[in-house]
Amino acid sequence: MDMTALYKLSCGLYVITTVDGGRGVGCVVNTVTQVTTEPVQVMVAINKENFTAGAVQRAGRFAVSVLTESAPMELIGRFGFRSSKDEDKFEGLKAVEFKALPCPAEHVNAVLVCKVKETVDAGTHLLFIAEVEDAETLSKEPSMTYAYYHQVKNGLTPPKASSYQAAAPAPAAVTRWQCSVCGYIYEGEELPAGFTCPVCKQGAEVFKKI
């Protein structure tokens, strides 16, 4: 099967946020789809191992922030390659609240506030079918598509994403180091002293030579 054919499916990049234990949590997904108009409902897929999946189940509500093409890799890395279980993703981030749900305040062109109506077990992922309680357009800046993220931003796919595929081995003639957390690859004979991953901010100890 040619798995790259799935990359042709049109999808965007979104930050899913909710509140858990009094603090904001969230993650990046590329699977948000409108499924009905009356009422307005959307479907979101989140990996079961992602802390945000459990948080959405507990809260029963979540917000969808639609990322724009200007979204920096730091923002994507913050929500896409780190865990809300281990850190506060909103610390030091300019944020706003929509219907009591925290959302990134920049590089977002629309926000949907949703109430979970049904949860479907899809194996590795949970599918949340939710009614849109409120929605707001914030700017006319183009939404970031998943293709734009890969082709222009040179972004990687988080291991817990629906479309994740393990990276192909590097040519033997090139020394490369791959982050075991997010998949980022550094080229060079040795990792620089004090090196940290530019995407997930992990230290050199999580890198493996490939």
C-alpha atoms as a PDB file:
ATOM      1  CA  MET A   1       0.000   0.000   0.000  1.00  0.00           C
ATOM      2  CA  ASP A   2       1.252   3.485  -0.864  1.00  0.00           C
ATOM      3  CA  MET A   3       0.764   5.290   2.448  1.00  0.00           C
ATOM      4  CA  THR A   4       1.808   8.606   0.892  1.00  0.00           C
ATOM      5  CA  ALA A   5      -1.490   8.599  -0.998  1.00  0.00           C
ATOM      6  CA  LEU A   6      -3.122   9.537   2.313  1.00  0.00           C
ATOM      7  CA  TYR A   7      -1.144  12.781   2.299  1.00  0.00           C
ATOM      8  CA  LYS A   8      -3.313  13.896  -0.627  1.00  0.00           C
ATOM      9  CA  LEU A   9      -6.355  14.077   1.634  1.00  0.00           C
ATOM     10  CA  SER A  10      -7.023  17.717   2.419  1.00  0.00           C
ATOM     11  CA  CYS A  11      -6.533  18.554   6.092  1.00  0.00           C
ATOM     12  CA  GLY A  12      -5.264  21.370   8.230  1.00  0.00           C
ATOM     13  CA  LEU A  13      -3.395  21.871  11.474  1.00  0.00           C
ATOM     14  CA  TYR A  14      -5.318  22.636  14.644  1.00  0.00           C
ATOM     15  CA  VAL A  15      -4.670  23.129  18.357  1.00  0.00           C
ATOM     16  CA  ILE A  16      -7.192  21.303  20.548  1.00  0.00           C
ATOM     17  CA  THR A  17      -7.421  22.769  24.052  1.00  0.00           C
ATOM     18  CA  THR A  18      -9.442  22.152  27.189  1.00  0.00           C
ATOM     19  CA  VAL A  19      -9.177  22.574  30.954  1.00  0.00           C
ATOM     20  CA  ASP A  20      -8.028  19.792  33.270  1.00  0.00           C
ATOM     21  CA  GLY A  21      -7.534  20.197  37.000  1.00  0.00           C
ATOM     22  CA  GLY A  22      -7.866  23.944  36.698  1.00  0.00           C
ATOM     23  CA  ARG A  23      -5.161  24.376  34.059  1.00  0.00           C
ATOM     24  CA  GLY A  24      -5.126  24.605  30.301  1.00  0.00           C
ATOM     25  CA  VAL A  25      -3.958  21.604  28.298  1.00  0.00           C
ATOM     26  CA  GLY A  26      -3.803  20.956  24.580  1.00  0.00           C
ATOM     27  CA  CYS A  27      -2.283  19.271  21.564  1.00  0.00           C
ATOM     28  CA  VAL A  28      -1.940  19.622  17.795  1.00  0.00           C
ATOM     29  CA  VAL A  29      -4.071  17.464  15.485  1.00  0.00           C
ATOM     30  CA  ASN A  30      -4.623  17.340  11.734  1.00  0.00           C
ATOM     31  CA  THR A  31      -8.037  15.676  11.939  1.00  0.00           C
ATOM     32  CA  VAL A  32     -10.937  18.082  12.449  1.00  0.00           C
ATOM     33  CA  THR A  33     -13.913  17.580  10.136  1.00  0.00           C
ATOM     34  CA  GLN A  34     -17.387  19.061   9.993  1.00  0.00           C
ATOM     35  CA  VAL A  35     -19.884  16.200   9.910  1.00  0.00           C
ATOM     36  CA  THR A  36     -23.315  17.901  10.084  1.00  0.00           C
ATOM     37  CA  THR A  37     -24.825  21.361   9.672  1.00  0.00           C
ATOM     38  CA  GLU A  38     -28.042  21.088  11.729  1.00  0.00           C
ATOM     39  CA  PRO A  39     -26.848  20.986  14.399  1.00  0.00           C
ATOM     40  CA  VAL A  40     -23.291  22.033  13.534  1.00  0.00           C
ATOM     41  CA  GLN A  41     -21.089  19.132  14.560  1.00  0.00           C
ATOM     42  CA  VAL A  42     -17.426  18.320  14.083  1.00  0.00           C
ATOM     43  CA  MET A  43     -15.314  15.200  14.564  1.00  0.00           C
ATOM     44  CA  VAL A  44     -11.840  15.258  16.104  1.00  0.00           C
ATOM     45  CA  ALA A  45      -9.429  12.315  16.393  1.00  0.00           C
ATOM     46  CA  ILE A  46      -6.907  12.265  19.265  1.00  0.00           C
ATOM     47  CA  ASN A  47      -4.448   9.505  20.121  1.00  0.00           C
ATOM     48  CA  LYS A  48      -5.425   7.637  23.296  1.00  0.00           C
ATOM     49  CA  GLU A  49      -1.881   8.012  24.645  1.00  0.00           C
ATOM     50  CA  ASN A  50      -2.110  11.773  24.346  1.00  0.00           C
ATOM     51  CA  PHE A  51      -2.852  13.425  27.693  1.00  0.00           C
ATOM     52  CA  THR A  52      -5.306  15.767  25.968  1.00  0.00           C
ATOM     53  CA  ALA A  53      -7.533  12.847  24.932  1.00  0.00           C
ATOM     54  CA  GLY A  54      -8.236  11.977  28.552  1.00  0.00           C
ATOM     55  CA  ALA A  55      -8.638  15.634  29.453  1.00  0.00           C
ATOM     56  CA  VAL A  56     -11.289  16.111  26.755  1.00  0.00           C
ATOM     57  CA  GLN A  57     -13.110  13.030  28.025  1.00  0.00           C
ATOM     58  CA  ARG A  58     -13.130  14.406  31.569  1.00  0.00           C
ATOM     59  CA  ALA A  59     -14.108  17.965  30.625  1.00  0.00           C
ATOM     60  CA  GLY A  60     -16.632  17.088  27.912  1.00  0.00           C
ATOM     61  CA  ARG A  61     -15.706  20.325  26.107  1.00  0.00           C
ATOM     62  CA  PHE A  62     -12.835  21.546  23.978  1.00  0.00           C
ATOM     63  CA  ALA A  63     -11.805  24.379  21.691  1.00  0.00           C
ATOM     64  CA  VAL A  64     -10.423  24.107  18.183  1.00  0.00           C
ATOM     65  CA  SER A  65      -7.950  26.822  17.172  1.00  0.00           C
ATOM     66  CA  VAL A  66      -7.256  26.875  13.425  1.00  0.00           C
ATOM     67  CA  LEU A  67      -3.556  27.575  12.850  1.00  0.00           C
ATOM     68  CA  THR A  68      -2.466  29.974  10.108  1.00  0.00           C
ATOM     69  CA  GLU A  69       0.442  29.722   7.685  1.00  0.00           C
ATOM     70  CA  SER A  70       2.373  32.156   9.875  1.00  0.00           C
ATOM     71  CA  ALA A  71       2.344  29.812  12.880  1.00  0.00           C
ATOM     72  CA  PRO A  72       5.988  29.318  13.960  1.00  0.00           C
ATOM     73  CA  MET A  73       7.498  25.921  14.572  1.00  0.00           C
ATOM     74  CA  GLU A  74       7.920  26.842  18.243  1.00  0.00           C
ATOM     75  CA  LEU A  75       4.141  27.052  18.652  1.00  0.00           C
ATOM     76  CA  ILE A  76       3.604  23.798  16.748  1.00  0.00           C
ATOM     77  CA  GLY A  77       6.377  22.108  18.705  1.00  0.00           C
ATOM     78  CA  ARG A  78       4.943  23.343  22.007  1.00  0.00           C
ATOM     79  CA  PHE A  79       1.548  21.743  21.408  1.00  0.00           C
ATOM     80  CA  GLY A  80       2.571  18.950  19.046  1.00  0.00           C
ATOM     81  CA  PHE A  81       5.729  17.403  20.474  1.00  0.00           C
ATOM     82  CA  ARG A  82       5.459  17.892  24.228  1.00  0.00           C
ATOM     83  CA  SER A  83       3.024  16.536  26.800  1.00  0.00           C
ATOM     84  CA  SER A  84       0.623  18.514  28.977  1.00  0.00           C
ATOM     85  CA  LYS A  85       1.207  15.774  31.551  1.00  0.00           C
ATOM     86  CA  ASP A  86       4.759  17.017  32.047  1.00  0.00           C
ATOM     87  CA  GLU A  87       4.502  20.776  31.540  1.00  0.00           C
ATOM     88  CA  ASP A  88       2.209  23.776  31.315  1.00  0.00           C
ATOM     89  CA  LYS A  89       1.980  24.477  27.592  1.00  0.00           C
ATOM     90  CA  PHE A  90       0.435  27.872  28.237  1.00  0.00           C
ATOM     91  CA  GLU A  91       3.293  29.096  30.413  1.00  0.00           C
ATOM     92  CA  GLY A  92       4.843  32.120  28.721  1.00  0.00           C
ATOM     93  CA  LEU A  93       2.364  31.913  25.840  1.00  0.00           C
ATOM     94  CA  LYS A  94       0.076  34.779  24.886  1.00  0.00           C
ATOM     95  CA  ALA A  95      -3.389  33.268  25.293  1.00  0.00           C
ATOM     96  CA  VAL A  96      -7.061  34.221  25.338  1.00  0.00           C
ATOM     97  CA  GLU A  97     -10.196  32.512  26.636  1.00  0.00           C
ATOM     98  CA  PHE A  98     -13.251  31.560  24.614  1.00  0.00           C
ATOM     99  CA  LYS A  99     -16.177  30.352  26.731  1.00  0.00           C
ATOM    100  CA  ALA A 100     -13.749  29.623  29.602  1.00  0.00           C
ATOM    101  CA  LEU A 101     -11.426  27.571  27.381  1.00  0.00           C
ATOM    102  CA  PRO A 102      -7.822  28.776  26.866  1.00  0.00           C
ATOM    103  CA  CYS A 103      -6.538  29.211  23.303  1.00  0.00           C
ATOM    104  CA  PRO A 104      -3.387  30.574  21.655  1.00  0.00           C
ATOM    105  CA  ALA A 105      -3.868  34.295  20.995  1.00  0.00           C
ATOM    106  CA  GLU A 106      -1.665  34.509  17.910  1.00  0.00           C
ATOM    107  CA  HIS A 107      -1.345  32.695  14.563  1.00  0.00           C
ATOM    108  CA  VAL A 108      -4.970  31.531  14.752  1.00  0.00           C
ATOM    109  CA  ASN A 109      -7.664  32.609  12.276  1.00  0.00           C
ATOM    110  CA  ALA A 110     -10.717  30.971  13.868  1.00  0.00           C
ATOM    111  CA  VAL A 111     -11.856  29.282  17.064  1.00  0.00           C
ATOM    112  CA  LEU A 112     -14.636  26.734  17.599  1.00  0.00           C
ATOM    113  CA  VAL A 113     -15.936  25.911  21.072  1.00  0.00           C
ATOM    114  CA  CYS A 114     -17.361  22.395  21.159  1.00  0.00           C
ATOM    115  CA  LYS A 115     -19.328  20.124  23.499  1.00  0.00           C
ATOM    116  CA  VAL A 116     -18.709  16.383  23.218  1.00  0.00           C
ATOM    117  CA  LYS A 117     -21.837  14.441  22.225  1.00  0.00           C
ATOM    118  CA  GLU A 118     -20.327  11.033  21.482  1.00  0.00           C
ATOM    119  CA  THR A 119     -16.963   9.292  21.818  1.00  0.00           C
ATOM    120  CA  VAL A 120     -15.996   6.472  19.467  1.00  0.00           C
ATOM    121  CA  ASP A 121     -13.120   4.072  20.151  1.00  0.00           C
ATOM    122  CA  ALA A 122     -11.106   3.815  16.922  1.00  0.00           C
ATOM    123  CA  GLY A 123      -8.281   1.644  18.191  1.00  0.00           C
ATOM    124  CA  THR A 124      -5.257   3.885  18.717  1.00  0.00           C
ATOM    125  CA  HIS A 125      -7.420   7.023  18.674  1.00  0.00           C
ATOM    126  CA  LEU A 126     -10.613   8.355  20.205  1.00  0.00           C
ATOM    127  CA  LEU A 127     -13.045  10.076  17.868  1.00  0.00           C
ATOM    128  CA  PHE A 128     -14.887  12.913  19.562  1.00  0.00           C
ATOM    129  CA  ILE A 129     -18.115  13.932  17.827  1.00  0.00           C
ATOM    130  CA  ALA A 130     -19.045  17.314  19.226  1.00  0.00           C
ATOM    131  CA  GLU A 131     -21.626  20.042  18.752  1.00  0.00           C
ATOM    132  CA  VAL A 132     -20.208  23.490  18.054  1.00  0.00           C
ATOM    133  CA  GLU A 133     -21.505  25.808  20.783  1.00  0.00           C
ATOM    134  CA  ASP A 134     -19.858  28.940  19.426  1.00  0.00           C
ATOM    135  CA  ALA A 135     -17.456  29.991  16.680  1.00  0.00           C
ATOM    136  CA  GLU A 136     -15.498  33.124  15.857  1.00  0.00           C
ATOM    137  CA  THR A 137     -13.403  34.203  12.869  1.00  0.00           C
ATOM    138  CA  LEU A 138     -10.304  36.096  13.976  1.00  0.00           C
ATOM    139  CA  SER A 139      -8.488  36.924  10.741  1.00  0.00           C
ATOM    140  CA  LYS A 140      -8.415  36.404   6.983  1.00  0.00           C
ATOM    141  CA  GLU A 141      -4.939  34.860   7.021  1.00  0.00           C
ATOM    142  CA  PRO A 142      -4.836  31.515   5.171  1.00  0.00           C
ATOM    143  CA  SER A 143      -5.172  28.378   7.259  1.00  0.00           C
ATOM    144  CA  MET A 144      -2.120  26.161   7.415  1.00  0.00           C
ATOM    145  CA  THR A 145      -2.747  22.929   5.537  1.00  0.00           C
ATOM    146  CA  TYR A 146      -0.924  19.750   6.456  1.00  0.00           C
ATOM    147  CA  ALA A 147       0.755  19.855   3.046  1.00  0.00           C
ATOM    148  CA  TYR A 148       2.007  23.415   3.720  1.00  0.00           C
ATOM    149  CA  TYR A 149       3.333  22.290   7.101  1.00  0.00           C
ATOM    150  CA  HIS A 150       5.391  19.531   5.482  1.00  0.00           C
ATOM    151  CA  GLN A 151       6.432  21.222   2.233  1.00  0.00           C
ATOM    152  CA  VAL A 152       7.035  24.815   3.352  1.00  0.00           C
ATOM    153  CA  LYS A 153       7.687  24.517   7.080  1.00  0.00           C
ATOM    154  CA  ASN A 154       9.575  21.220   6.654  1.00  0.00           C
ATOM    155  CA  GLY A 155       7.589  19.982   9.614  1.00  0.00           C
ATOM    156  CA  LEU A 156       7.607  16.469  11.011  1.00  0.00           C
ATOM    157  CA  THR A 157       4.688  14.280  12.061  1.00  0.00           C
ATOM    158  CA  PRO A 158       4.400  13.593  15.815  1.00  0.00           C
ATOM    159  CA  PRO A 159       4.515   9.880  16.697  1.00  0.00           C
ATOM    160  CA  LYS A 160       0.972  10.066  18.139  1.00  0.00           C
ATOM    161  CA  ALA A 161      -0.532  11.695  15.044  1.00  0.00           C
ATOM    162  CA  SER A 162      -3.024   9.789  12.896  1.00  0.00           C
ATOM    163  CA  SER A 163      -0.736  10.035   9.846  1.00  0.00           C
ATOM    164  CA  TYR A 164       2.572   9.188  11.567  1.00  0.00           C
ATOM    165  CA  GLN A 165       5.050   7.009   9.714  1.00  0.00           C
ATOM    166  CA  ALA A 166       8.497   6.054  10.993  1.00  0.00           C
ATOM    167  CA  ALA A 167      11.297   7.957   9.278  1.00  0.00           C
ATOM    168  CA  ALA A 168      13.213   6.156   6.554  1.00  0.00           C
ATOM    169  CA  PRO A 169      16.826   5.241   7.398  1.00  0.00           C
ATOM    170  CA  ALA A 170      19.396   7.857   6.386  1.00  0.00           C
ATOM    171  CA  PRO A 171      22.051   7.097   3.727  1.00  0.00           C
ATOM    172  CA  ALA A 172      25.091   5.412   5.268  1.00  0.00           C
ATOM    173  CA  ALA A 173      27.413   8.135   3.955  1.00  0.00           C
ATOM    174  CA  VAL A 174      25.721  10.818   6.085  1.00  0.00           C
ATOM    175  CA  THR A 175      25.940  10.917   9.872  1.00  0.00           C
ATOM    176  CA  ARG A 176      22.594  11.915  11.295  1.00  0.00           C
ATOM    177  CA  TRP A 177      21.102  12.063  14.758  1.00  0.00           C
ATOM    178  CA  GLN A 178      17.365  11.575  15.246  1.00  0.00           C
ATOM    179  CA  CYS A 179      15.335  12.784  18.206  1.00  0.00           C
ATOM    180  CA  SER A 180      13.516   9.798  19.684  1.00  0.00           C
ATOM    181  CA  VAL A 181      10.735  12.079  20.936  1.00  0.00           C
ATOM    182  CA  CYS A 182       9.684  14.077  17.862  1.00  0.00           C
ATOM    183  CA  GLY A 183      11.715  12.639  14.972  1.00  0.00           C
ATOM    184  CA  TYR A 184      13.785  15.771  14.227  1.00  0.00           C
ATOM    185  CA  ILE A 185      17.032  14.924  12.411  1.00  0.00           C
ATOM    186  CA  TYR A 186      20.352  16.716  12.944  1.00  0.00           C
ATOM    187  CA  GLU A 187      23.153  16.229  10.426  1.00  0.00           C
ATOM    188  CA  GLY A 188      26.730  16.225  11.720  1.00  0.00           C
ATOM    189  CA  GLU A 189      29.416  13.931  13.020  1.00  0.00           C
ATOM    190  CA  GLU A 190      28.657  14.873  16.633  1.00  0.00           C
ATOM    191  CA  LEU A 191      25.906  16.770  18.429  1.00  0.00           C
ATOM    192  CA  PRO A 192      27.088  20.213  19.597  1.00  0.00           C
ATOM    193  CA  ALA A 193      27.729  20.702  23.306  1.00  0.00           C
ATOM    194  CA  GLY A 194      24.518  21.560  25.154  1.00  0.00           C
ATOM    195  CA  PHE A 195      22.435  20.773  22.066  1.00  0.00           C
ATOM    196  CA  THR A 196      18.643  20.762  22.441  1.00  0.00           C
ATOM    197  CA  CYS A 197      16.069  19.744  19.862  1.00  0.00           C
ATOM    198  CA  PRO A 198      14.690  22.864  18.124  1.00  0.00           C
ATOM    199  CA  VAL A 199      11.237  21.254  17.902  1.00  0.00           C
ATOM    200  CA  CYS A 200      10.548  19.495  21.211  1.00  0.00           C
ATOM    201  CA  LYS A 201      13.323  21.074  23.337  1.00  0.00           C
ATOM    202  CA  GLN A 202      14.649  17.735  24.570  1.00  0.00           C
ATOM    203  CA  GLY A 203      18.349  17.335  25.324  1.00  0.00           C
ATOM    204  CA  ALA A 204      21.054  15.491  23.391  1.00  0.00           C
ATOM    205  CA  GLU A 205      20.490  12.361  25.475  1.00  0.00           C
ATOM    206  CA  VAL A 206      17.300  11.514  23.564  1.00  0.00           C
ATOM    207  CA  PHE A 207      19.066  11.595  20.173  1.00  0.00           C
ATOM    208  CA  LYS A 208      20.147   8.382  18.463  1.00  0.00           C
ATOM    209  CA  LYS A 209      22.642   8.050  15.622  1.00  0.00           C
ATOM    210  CA  ILE A 210      21.056   6.772  12.402  1.00  0.00           C
END
